[in-house]
C-alpha atoms as a PDB file:
ATOM      1  CA  UNK A   1     120.709-162.395-176.061  1.00  0.00           C
ATOM      2  CA  UNK A   2     118.060-164.330-177.961  1.00  0.00           C
ATOM      3  CA  UNK A   3     115.111-165.622-175.980  1.00  0.00           C
ATOM      4  CA  UNK A   4     114.053-169.172-176.649  1.00  0.00           C
ATOM      5  CA  UNK A   5     110.310-169.393-177.174  1.00  0.00           C
ATOM      6  CA  UNK A   6     109.090-172.797-176.129  1.00  0.00           C
ATOM      7  CA  UNK A   7     105.912-174.566-177.175  1.00  0.00           C
ATOM      8  CA  UNK A   8     104.685-174.311-173.601  1.00  0.00           C
ATOM      9  CA  UNK A   9     105.076-170.539-173.675  1.00  0.00           C
ATOM     10  CA  UNK A  10     103.172-170.284-176.953  1.00  0.00           C
ATOM     11  CA  UNK A  11     100.422-172.521-175.615  1.00  0.00           C
ATOM     12  CA  UNK A  12     100.089-170.545-172.385  1.00  0.00           C
ATOM     13  CA  UNK A  13      99.943-167.229-174.247  1.00  0.00           C
ATOM     14  CA  UNK A  14      97.342-168.593-176.647  1.00  0.00           C
ATOM     15  CA  UNK A  15      95.196-169.803-173.750  1.00  0.00           C
ATOM     16  CA  UNK A  16      95.446-166.413-172.046  1.00  0.00           C
ATOM     17  CA  UNK A  17      94.363-164.679-175.231  1.00  0.00           C
ATOM     18  CA  UNK A  18      91.521-167.150-175.733  1.00  0.00           C
ATOM     19  CA  UNK A  19      90.301-166.651-172.181  1.00  0.00           C
ATOM     20  CA  UNK A  20      90.475-162.878-172.572  1.00  0.00           C
ATOM     21  CA  UNK A  21      88.519-162.979-175.834  1.00  0.00           C
ATOM     22  CA  UNK A  22      86.020-165.390-174.289  1.00  0.00           C
ATOM     23  CA  UNK A  23      85.513-163.116-171.278  1.00  0.00           C
ATOM     24  CA  UNK A  24      84.877-160.161-173.583  1.00  0.00           C
ATOM     25  CA  UNK A  25      82.401-162.230-175.618  1.00  0.00           C
ATOM     26  CA  UNK A  26      80.635-163.421-172.459  1.00  0.00           C
ATOM     27  CA  UNK A  27      80.330-159.854-171.135  1.00  0.00           C
ATOM     28  CA  UNK A  28      78.889-158.593-174.426  1.00  0.00           C
ATOM     29  CA  UNK A  29      76.527-161.587-174.609  1.00  0.00           C
ATOM     30  CA  UNK A  30      75.257-160.778-171.101  1.00  0.00           C
ATOM     31  CA  UNK A  31      74.688-157.168-172.123  1.00  0.00           C
ATOM     32  CA  UNK A  32      72.843-158.224-175.284  1.00  0.00           C
ATOM     33  CA  UNK A  33      70.562-160.676-173.488  1.00  0.00           C
ATOM     34  CA  UNK A  34      69.847-158.462-170.440  1.00  0.00           C
ATOM     35  CA  UNK A  35      69.831-155.100-172.212  1.00  0.00           C
ATOM     36  CA  UNK A  36      72.010-153.747-169.375  1.00  0.00           C
ATOM     37  CA  UNK A  37      75.551-152.439-169.463  1.00  0.00           C
ATOM     38  CA  UNK A  38      75.981-153.269-165.781  1.00  0.00           C
ATOM     39  CA  UNK A  39      75.121-156.821-164.754  1.00  0.00           C
ATOM     40  CA  UNK A  40      77.505-156.984-161.807  1.00  0.00           C
ATOM     41  CA  UNK A  41      79.436-154.296-159.914  1.00  0.00           C
ATOM     42  CA  UNK A  42      82.752-155.215-161.509  1.00  0.00           C
ATOM     43  CA  UNK A  43      81.371-154.302-164.949  1.00  0.00           C
ATOM     44  CA  UNK A  44      81.495-150.621-163.986  1.00  0.00           C
ATOM     45  CA  UNK A  45      82.234-149.764-160.318  1.00  0.00           C
ATOM     46  CA  UNK A  46      81.659-146.026-160.800  1.00  0.00           C
ATOM     47  CA  UNK A  47      78.516-146.591-162.846  1.00  0.00           C
ATOM     48  CA  UNK A  48      77.252-149.004-160.188  1.00  0.00           C
ATOM     49  CA  UNK A  49      77.541-146.250-157.570  1.00  0.00           C
ATOM     50  CA  UNK A  50      75.444-143.897-159.707  1.00  0.00           C
ATOM     51  CA  UNK A  51      72.954-146.658-160.538  1.00  0.00           C
ATOM     52  CA  UNK A  52      72.370-147.443-156.858  1.00  0.00           C
ATOM     53  CA  UNK A  53      71.938-143.757-156.114  1.00  0.00           C
ATOM     54  CA  UNK A  54      69.365-143.380-158.898  1.00  0.00           C
ATOM     55  CA  UNK A  55      67.489-146.470-157.713  1.00  0.00           C
ATOM     56  CA  UNK A  56      67.313-145.068-154.177  1.00  0.00           C
ATOM     57  CA  UNK A  57      66.008-141.746-155.519  1.00  0.00           C
ATOM     58  CA  UNK A  58      63.376-143.527-157.612  1.00  0.00           C
ATOM     59  CA  UNK A  59      62.252-145.633-154.652  1.00  0.00           C
ATOM     60  CA  UNK A  60      61.817-142.530-152.491  1.00  0.00           C
ATOM     61  CA  UNK A  61      60.112-140.680-155.326  1.00  0.00           C
ATOM     62  CA  UNK A  62      57.677-143.555-155.882  1.00  0.00           C
ATOM     63  CA  UNK A  63      56.794-143.537-152.177  1.00  0.00           C
ATOM     64  CA  UNK A  64      56.100-139.809-152.326  1.00  0.00           C
ATOM     65  CA  UNK A  65      53.921-140.414-155.382  1.00  0.00           C
ATOM     66  CA  UNK A  66      51.967-143.043-153.453  1.00  0.00           C
ATOM     67  CA  UNK A  67      51.576-140.581-150.585  1.00  0.00           C
ATOM     68  CA  UNK A  68      50.283-137.830-152.865  1.00  0.00           C
ATOM     69  CA  UNK A  69      47.819-140.253-154.445  1.00  0.00           C
ATOM     70  CA  UNK A  70      46.500-141.217-150.997  1.00  0.00           C
ATOM     71  CA  UNK A  71      46.418-137.565-149.932  1.00  0.00           C
ATOM     72  CA  UNK A  72      44.428-136.652-153.044  1.00  0.00           C
ATOM     73  CA  UNK A  73      41.957-139.444-152.352  1.00  0.00           C
ATOM     74  CA  UNK A  74      41.450-138.195-148.794  1.00  0.00           C
ATOM     75  CA  UNK A  75      41.103-134.571-149.894  1.00  0.00           C
ATOM     76  CA  UNK A  76      38.728-135.384-152.743  1.00  0.00           C
ATOM     77  CA  UNK A  77      36.541-137.496-150.483  1.00  0.00           C
ATOM     78  CA  UNK A  78      36.550-134.785-147.800  1.00  0.00           C
ATOM     79  CA  UNK A  79      35.538-132.232-150.414  1.00  0.00           C
ATOM     80  CA  UNK A  80      32.658-134.478-151.499  1.00  0.00           C
ATOM     81  CA  UNK A  81      31.202-134.996-148.023  1.00  0.00           C
ATOM     82  CA  UNK A  82      31.729-131.345-147.119  1.00  0.00           C
ATOM     83  CA  UNK A  83      29.803-130.413-150.237  1.00  0.00           C
ATOM     84  CA  UNK A  84      27.014-132.742-149.148  1.00  0.00           C
ATOM     85  CA  UNK A  85      26.917-131.054-145.731  1.00  0.00           C
ATOM     86  CA  UNK A  86      26.716-127.670-147.434  1.00  0.00           C
ATOM     87  CA  UNK A  87      23.758-128.855-149.513  1.00  0.00           C
ATOM     88  CA  UNK A  88      21.995-130.044-146.354  1.00  0.00           C
ATOM     89  CA  UNK A  89      22.491-126.650-144.702  1.00  0.00           C
ATOM     90  CA  UNK A  90      21.147-124.921-147.794  1.00  0.00           C
ATOM     91  CA  UNK A  91      17.971-126.958-147.514  1.00  0.00           C
ATOM     92  CA  UNK A  92      17.723-126.341-143.763  1.00  0.00           C
ATOM     93  CA  UNK A  93      18.040-122.605-144.327  1.00  0.00           C
ATOM     94  CA  UNK A  94      15.273-122.709-146.933  1.00  0.00           C
ATOM     95  CA  UNK A  95      12.996-124.502-144.470  1.00  0.00           C
ATOM     96  CA  UNK A  96      13.873-122.114-141.632  1.00  0.00           C
ATOM     97  CA  UNK A  97      13.210-119.062-143.763  1.00  0.00           C
ATOM     98  CA  UNK A  98       9.914-120.542-144.866  1.00  0.00           C
ATOM     99  CA  UNK A  99       8.884-121.420-141.311  1.00  0.00           C
ATOM    100  CA  UNK A 100       9.990-118.062-139.912  1.00  0.00           C
ATOM    101  CA  UNK A 101       7.932-116.038-142.363  1.00  0.00           C
ATOM    102  CA  UNK A 102       4.818-116.331-140.207  1.00  0.00           C
ATOM    103  CA  UNK A 103       2.708-117.699-143.026  1.00  0.00           C
ATOM    104  CA  UNK A 104       3.167-121.368-142.168  1.00  0.00           C
ATOM    105  CA  UNK A 105       0.415-122.973-140.107  1.00  0.00           C
ATOM    106  CA  UNK A 106       0.874-125.549-137.328  1.00  0.00           C
ATOM    107  CA  UNK A 107       0.738-128.522-139.694  1.00  0.00           C
ATOM    108  CA  UNK A 108       3.307-126.869-141.938  1.00  0.00           C
ATOM    109  CA  UNK A 109       5.620-126.222-139.002  1.00  0.00           C
ATOM    110  CA  UNK A 110       5.272-129.844-137.937  1.00  0.00           C
ATOM    111  CA  UNK A 111       6.228-130.996-141.451  1.00  0.00           C
ATOM    112  CA  UNK A 112       9.235-128.665-141.437  1.00  0.00           C
ATOM    113  CA  UNK A 113      10.260-129.952-138.023  1.00  0.00           C
ATOM    114  CA  UNK A 114      10.089-133.537-139.285  1.00  0.00           C
ATOM    115  CA  UNK A 115      12.276-132.744-142.296  1.00  0.00           C
ATOM    116  CA  UNK A 116      14.774-130.786-140.190  1.00  0.00           C
ATOM    117  CA  UNK A 117      15.110-133.799-137.881  1.00  0.00           C
ATOM    118  CA  UNK A 118      15.873-136.039-140.863  1.00  0.00           C
ATOM    119  CA  UNK A 119      18.385-133.527-142.194  1.00  0.00           C
ATOM    120  CA  UNK A 120      20.070-133.475-138.786  1.00  0.00           C
ATOM    121  CA  UNK A 121      20.413-137.262-138.968  1.00  0.00           C
ATOM    122  CA  UNK A 122      21.936-136.839-142.419  1.00  0.00           C
ATOM    123  CA  UNK A 123      24.514-134.422-140.993  1.00  0.00           C
ATOM    124  CA  UNK A 124      25.354-136.995-138.305  1.00  0.00           C
ATOM    125  CA  UNK A 125      25.888-139.587-141.043  1.00  0.00           C
ATOM    126  CA  UNK A 126      28.147-137.165-142.899  1.00  0.00           C
ATOM    127  CA  UNK A 127      30.054-136.510-139.668  1.00  0.00           C
ATOM    128  CA  UNK A 128      30.694-140.259-139.437  1.00  0.00           C
ATOM    129  CA  UNK A 129      31.872-140.568-143.042  1.00  0.00           C
ATOM    130  CA  UNK A 130      34.554-143.185-143.669  1.00  0.00           C
ATOM    131  CA  UNK A 131      37.221-143.608-146.330  1.00  0.00           C
ATOM    132  CA  UNK A 132      38.654-147.124-146.501  1.00  0.00           C
ATOM    133  CA  UNK A 133      37.335-147.789-143.007  1.00  0.00           C
ATOM    134  CA  UNK A 134      38.793-144.560-141.549  1.00  0.00           C
ATOM    135  CA  UNK A 135      36.616-141.821-140.058  1.00  0.00           C
ATOM    136  CA  UNK A 136      37.641-138.616-141.808  1.00  0.00           C
ATOM    137  CA  UNK A 137      36.323-136.133-139.209  1.00  0.00           C
ATOM    138  CA  UNK A 138      37.905-137.615-136.078  1.00  0.00           C
ATOM    139  CA  UNK A 139      41.541-136.546-136.332  1.00  0.00           C
ATOM    140  CA  UNK A 140      43.969-139.389-135.665  1.00  0.00           C
ATOM    141  CA  UNK A 141      41.351-141.563-133.956  1.00  0.00           C
ATOM    142  CA  UNK A 142      40.540-143.057-137.318  1.00  0.00           C
ATOM    143  CA  UNK A 143      38.856-146.163-135.934  1.00  0.00           C
ATOM    144  CA  UNK A 144      36.294-144.331-133.766  1.00  0.00           C
ATOM    145  CA  UNK A 145      33.079-142.781-135.021  1.00  0.00           C
ATOM    146  CA  UNK A 146      33.151-139.146-133.806  1.00  0.00           C
ATOM    147  CA  UNK A 147      29.397-138.557-133.666  1.00  0.00           C
ATOM    148  CA  UNK A 148      28.092-141.315-131.431  1.00  0.00           C
ATOM    149  CA  UNK A 149      25.992-140.805-128.326  1.00  0.00           C
ATOM    150  CA  UNK A 150      26.846-142.484-125.046  1.00  0.00           C
ATOM    151  CA  UNK A 151      26.148-142.225-121.342  1.00  0.00           C
ATOM    152  CA  UNK A 152      28.599-139.326-121.123  1.00  0.00           C
ATOM    153  CA  UNK A 153      27.693-137.665-124.441  1.00  0.00           C
ATOM    154  CA  UNK A 154      23.934-137.317-124.762  1.00  0.00           C
ATOM    155  CA  UNK A 155      23.821-134.674-127.493  1.00  0.00           C
ATOM    156  CA  UNK A 156      25.705-134.410-130.775  1.00  0.00           C
ATOM    157  CA  UNK A 157      26.446-130.777-129.964  1.00  0.00           C
ATOM    158  CA  UNK A 158      28.566-131.970-127.000  1.00  0.00           C
ATOM    159  CA  UNK A 159      30.835-134.179-129.118  1.00  0.00           C
ATOM    160  CA  UNK A 160      34.555-133.404-128.872  1.00  0.00           C
ATOM    161  CA  UNK A 161      36.430-134.762-131.871  1.00  0.00           C
ATOM    162  CA  UNK A 162      40.125-135.617-131.900  1.00  0.00           C
ATOM    163  CA  UNK A 163      42.398-132.717-132.816  1.00  0.00           C
ATOM    164  CA  UNK A 164      45.246-134.781-134.310  1.00  0.00           C
ATOM    165  CA  UNK A 165      46.242-134.255-137.913  1.00  0.00           C
ATOM    166  CA  UNK A 166      46.352-136.910-140.618  1.00  0.00           C
ATOM    167  CA  UNK A 167      49.681-136.087-142.235  1.00  0.00           C
ATOM    168  CA  UNK A 168      51.308-137.295-145.446  1.00  0.00           C
ATOM    169  CA  UNK A 169      54.918-136.695-146.477  1.00  0.00           C
ATOM    170  CA  UNK A 170      54.448-135.444-150.035  1.00  0.00           C
ATOM    171  CA  UNK A 171      58.080-134.620-150.833  1.00  0.00           C
ATOM    172  CA  UNK A 172      61.439-134.445-149.115  1.00  0.00           C
ATOM    173  CA  UNK A 173      61.024-132.452-145.904  1.00  0.00           C
ATOM    174  CA  UNK A 174      57.424-131.482-146.742  1.00  0.00           C
ATOM    175  CA  UNK A 175      54.368-132.839-144.916  1.00  0.00           C
ATOM    176  CA  UNK A 176      50.724-131.881-145.285  1.00  0.00           C
ATOM    177  CA  UNK A 177      47.701-132.296-143.014  1.00  0.00           C
ATOM    178  CA  UNK A 178      44.799-133.467-145.145  1.00  0.00           C
ATOM    179  CA  UNK A 179      42.005-133.894-142.611  1.00  0.00           C
ATOM    180  CA  UNK A 180      39.350-131.555-141.248  1.00  0.00           C
ATOM    181  CA  UNK A 181      38.390-131.962-137.604  1.00  0.00           C
ATOM    182  CA  UNK A 182      34.710-132.443-136.926  1.00  0.00           C
ATOM    183  CA  UNK A 183      34.550-129.618-134.387  1.00  0.00           C
ATOM    184  CA  UNK A 184      36.175-127.224-136.846  1.00  0.00           C
ATOM    185  CA  UNK A 185      33.623-128.103-139.505  1.00  0.00           C
ATOM    186  CA  UNK A 186      30.369-128.702-137.594  1.00  0.00           C
ATOM    187  CA  UNK A 187      31.225-126.498-134.608  1.00  0.00           C
ATOM    188  CA  UNK A 188      32.604-126.808-131.082  1.00  0.00           C
ATOM    189  CA  UNK A 189      30.244-127.413-128.165  1.00  0.00           C
ATOM    190  CA  UNK A 190      30.710-123.780-127.048  1.00  0.00           C
ATOM    191  CA  UNK A 191      29.991-122.258-130.471  1.00  0.00           C
ATOM    192  CA  UNK A 192      26.625-120.575-130.788  1.00  0.00           C
ATOM    193  CA  UNK A 193      26.512-121.705-134.402  1.00  0.00           C
ATOM    194  CA  UNK A 194      27.358-125.349-133.660  1.00  0.00           C
ATOM    195  CA  UNK A 195      25.124-126.899-136.270  1.00  0.00           C
ATOM    196  CA  UNK A 196      23.693-129.577-133.977  1.00  0.00           C
ATOM    197  CA  UNK A 197      22.829-127.192-131.143  1.00  0.00           C
ATOM    198  CA  UNK A 198      21.421-124.818-133.749  1.00  0.00           C
ATOM    199  CA  UNK A 199      19.151-127.536-135.120  1.00  0.00           C
ATOM    200  CA  UNK A 200      18.076-128.541-131.617  1.00  0.00           C
ATOM    201  CA  UNK A 201      17.016-124.956-130.912  1.00  0.00           C
ATOM    202  CA  UNK A 202      15.369-124.720-134.311  1.00  0.00           C
ATOM    203  CA  UNK A 203      13.322-127.854-133.647  1.00  0.00           C
ATOM    204  CA  UNK A 204      12.245-126.446-130.272  1.00  0.00           C
ATOM    205  CA  UNK A 205      11.182-123.188-131.921  1.00  0.00           C
ATOM    206  CA  UNK A 206       9.291-125.079-134.648  1.00  0.00           C
ATOM    207  CA  UNK A 207       7.498-127.173-132.058  1.00  0.00           C
ATOM    208  CA  UNK A 208       6.385-124.068-130.149  1.00  0.00           C
ATOM    209  CA  UNK A 209       5.649-122.015-133.265  1.00  0.00           C
ATOM    210  CA  UNK A 210       8.091-119.271-132.174  1.00  0.00           C
ATOM    211  CA  UNK A 211       8.712-117.505-135.483  1.00  0.00           C
ATOM    212  CA  UNK A 212      11.132-114.992-133.974  1.00  0.00           C
ATOM    213  CA  UNK A 213      13.313-117.776-132.554  1.00  0.00           C
ATOM    214  CA  UNK A 214      13.198-119.584-135.894  1.00  0.00           C
ATOM    215  CA  UNK A 215      14.437-116.449-137.671  1.00  0.00           C
ATOM    216  CA  UNK A 216      17.251-116.080-135.127  1.00  0.00           C
ATOM    217  CA  UNK A 217      18.522-119.565-135.960  1.00  0.00           C
ATOM    218  CA  UNK A 218      18.679-118.647-139.662  1.00  0.00           C
ATOM    219  CA  UNK A 219      21.560-116.316-138.779  1.00  0.00           C
ATOM    220  CA  UNK A 220      23.392-119.144-137.002  1.00  0.00           C
ATOM    221  CA  UNK A 221      22.823-121.469-139.944  1.00  0.00           C
ATOM    222  CA  UNK A 222      24.291-118.863-142.301  1.00  0.00           C
ATOM    223  CA  UNK A 223      27.288-118.357-139.984  1.00  0.00           C
ATOM    224  CA  UNK A 224      28.031-122.084-139.837  1.00  0.00           C
ATOM    225  CA  UNK A 225      27.589-122.477-143.579  1.00  0.00           C
ATOM    226  CA  UNK A 226      30.120-119.686-144.206  1.00  0.00           C
ATOM    227  CA  UNK A 227      32.622-121.503-141.984  1.00  0.00           C
ATOM    228  CA  UNK A 228      31.967-124.748-143.839  1.00  0.00           C
ATOM    229  CA  UNK A 229      32.608-123.005-147.149  1.00  0.00           C
ATOM    230  CA  UNK A 230      35.891-121.621-145.799  1.00  0.00           C
ATOM    231  CA  UNK A 231      36.970-125.073-144.607  1.00  0.00           C
ATOM    232  CA  UNK A 232      36.068-126.555-147.983  1.00  0.00           C
ATOM    233  CA  UNK A 233      38.065-123.824-149.752  1.00  0.00           C
ATOM    234  CA  UNK A 234      41.126-124.776-147.663  1.00  0.00           C
ATOM    235  CA  UNK A 235      40.689-128.390-148.744  1.00  0.00           C
ATOM    236  CA  UNK A 236      40.529-127.225-152.352  1.00  0.00           C
ATOM    237  CA  UNK A 237      43.755-125.241-151.941  1.00  0.00           C
ATOM    238  CA  UNK A 238      45.483-128.283-150.449  1.00  0.00           C
ATOM    239  CA  UNK A 239      44.219-130.438-153.305  1.00  0.00           C
ATOM    240  CA  UNK A 240      45.729-128.037-155.835  1.00  0.00           C
ATOM    241  CA  UNK A 241      49.030-128.087-153.966  1.00  0.00           C
ATOM    242  CA  UNK A 242      49.123-131.883-153.857  1.00  0.00           C
ATOM    243  CA  UNK A 243      48.361-132.066-157.578  1.00  0.00           C
ATOM    244  CA  UNK A 244      51.233-129.681-158.325  1.00  0.00           C
ATOM    245  CA  UNK A 245      53.596-131.727-156.158  1.00  0.00           C
ATOM    246  CA  UNK A 246      52.370-134.915-157.830  1.00  0.00           C
ATOM    247  CA  UNK A 247      53.107-133.442-161.259  1.00  0.00           C
ATOM    248  CA  UNK A 248      56.603-132.402-160.140  1.00  0.00           C
ATOM    249  CA  UNK A 249      57.249-135.893-158.775  1.00  0.00           C
ATOM    250  CA  UNK A 250      56.184-137.384-162.121  1.00  0.00           C
ATOM    251  CA  UNK A 251      58.668-135.105-163.889  1.00  0.00           C
ATOM    252  CA  UNK A 252      61.383-136.051-161.426  1.00  0.00           C
ATOM    253  CA  UNK A 253      60.729-139.751-161.930  1.00  0.00           C
ATOM    254  CA  UNK A 254      61.096-139.287-165.687  1.00  0.00           C
ATOM    255  CA  UNK A 255      64.352-137.352-165.300  1.00  0.00           C
ATOM    256  CA  UNK A 256      65.919-139.812-162.847  1.00  0.00           C
ATOM    257  CA  UNK A 257      64.765-142.778-164.943  1.00  0.00           C
ATOM    258  CA  UNK A 258      66.469-141.202-167.962  1.00  0.00           C
ATOM    259  CA  UNK A 259      69.703-140.768-165.999  1.00  0.00           C
ATOM    260  CA  UNK A 260      69.466-144.329-164.727  1.00  0.00           C
ATOM    261  CA  UNK A 261      68.953-145.601-168.248  1.00  0.00           C
ATOM    262  CA  UNK A 262      72.024-143.741-169.477  1.00  0.00           C
ATOM    263  CA  UNK A 263      74.121-145.447-166.789  1.00  0.00           C
ATOM    264  CA  UNK A 264      72.596-148.942-166.817  1.00  0.00           C
ATOM    265  CA  UNK A 265      71.004-149.621-170.191  1.00  0.00           C
ATOM    266  CA  UNK A 266      73.046-150.902-173.095  1.00  0.00           C
ATOM    267  CA  UNK A 267      72.841-149.550-176.620  1.00  0.00           C
ATOM    268  CA  UNK A 268      71.477-152.723-178.198  1.00  0.00           C
ATOM    269  CA  UNK A 269      72.585-151.922-181.748  1.00  0.00           C
ATOM    270  CA  UNK A 270      76.111-151.072-180.650  1.00  0.00           C
ATOM    271  CA  UNK A 271      76.258-154.065-178.309  1.00  0.00           C
ATOM    272  CA  UNK A 272      75.136-156.498-181.028  1.00  0.00           C
ATOM    273  CA  UNK A 273      77.787-155.173-183.394  1.00  0.00           C
ATOM    274  CA  UNK A 274      80.451-155.508-180.702  1.00  0.00           C
ATOM    275  CA  UNK A 275      79.208-159.002-179.878  1.00  0.00           C
ATOM    276  CA  UNK A 276      79.459-160.072-183.510  1.00  0.00           C
ATOM    277  CA  UNK A 277      82.960-158.589-183.744  1.00  0.00           C
ATOM    278  CA  UNK A 278      84.036-160.295-180.511  1.00  0.00           C
ATOM    279  CA  UNK A 279      82.650-163.621-181.746  1.00  0.00           C
ATOM    280  CA  UNK A 280      84.572-163.296-185.008  1.00  0.00           C
ATOM    281  CA  UNK A 281      87.767-162.461-183.116  1.00  0.00           C
ATOM    282  CA  UNK A 282      87.238-165.405-180.775  1.00  0.00           C
ATOM    283  CA  UNK A 283      86.680-167.837-183.641  1.00  0.00           C
ATOM    284  CA  UNK A 284      89.789-166.531-185.418  1.00  0.00           C
ATOM    285  CA  UNK A 285      91.778-166.914-182.202  1.00  0.00           C
ATOM    286  CA  UNK A 286      90.577-170.510-181.869  1.00  0.00           C
ATOM    287  CA  UNK A 287      91.702-171.327-185.391  1.00  0.00           C
ATOM    288  CA  UNK A 288      95.072-169.610-184.920  1.00  0.00           C
ATOM    289  CA  UNK A 289      95.651-171.305-181.590  1.00  0.00           C
ATOM    290  CA  UNK A 290      94.835-174.690-183.076  1.00  0.00           C
ATOM    291  CA  UNK A 291      97.471-174.146-185.746  1.00  0.00           C
ATOM    292  CA  UNK A 292     100.095-172.949-183.268  1.00  0.00           C
ATOM    293  CA  UNK A 293      99.557-175.832-180.877  1.00  0.00           C
ATOM    294  CA  UNK A 294     100.245-178.345-183.695  1.00  0.00           C
ATOM    295  CA  UNK A 295     103.694-176.803-184.362  1.00  0.00           C
ATOM    296  CA  UNK A 296     105.947-178.708-181.939  1.00  0.00           C
ATOM    297  CA  UNK A 297     109.220-180.643-182.301  1.00  0.00           C
ATOM    298  CA  UNK A 298     107.310-183.890-181.891  1.00  0.00           C
ATOM    299  CA  UNK A 299     105.282-183.109-185.019  1.00  0.00           C
ATOM    300  CA  UNK A 300     108.458-182.621-187.071  1.00  0.00           C
ATOM    301  CA  UNK A 301     110.122-185.747-185.681  1.00  0.00           C
ATOM    302  CA  UNK A 302     107.179-187.737-186.939  1.00  0.00           C
END
């Protein structure tokens, strides 16, 4: 049985085709102007899932990169001030060796004592070093200067620094303590080679001209300096580790960004060609539809 095709049916079909062609042209125009294949979830539901996953991975990766940058800053600064403390101890040892030789007169010993006192003050300043307003030798009590005297703490050798660790998450499931506790570096109050108690005894020996006692303190200075060197070496090892992790995170960011681009970014050349083709098709459809819509019984009756 023959099917009668009415003008209304032809018009409706033409409008459907026009709308379909227009939707395709609009989608390609959006891709051309934005440079993205996916501008809304309906463009590619599966691709949208991958795109969101890649964005989440990049966000986490960027946070880890920020953490490693901050960790490196802390470690580098700690290495600098620890190096300064080592230089001070080197000078103190030179003075102690000189004073303990027995060839230095009373005026010379007094001059050495004066310089040792100043060098002790310099070590206190180093112990209270700050990075961005945070005290680096006082564990997690970042807002409190560790080497400050008070009614209960009358000597720097009696200072007890906080033992908490300053920790950064440098990658998934991996955290790293970046700080050195003051007592680990300068010595605990019970350590014979606590640098502050050592300098107090050295000053007493210099004041009394006790060359044997001065020589004894040289051994303690050497012991503390060796421990400082060991602590600084650990900081160096951590710095190398953080730099390796940072490099790996940079590589990961590049890889994930590439995957994200493959899912989200449009091939501009291909998209422009498709847009031009879709525009041509749409214009042809408009012309054809205009011709079809004029062919009705009313036109012939006229």
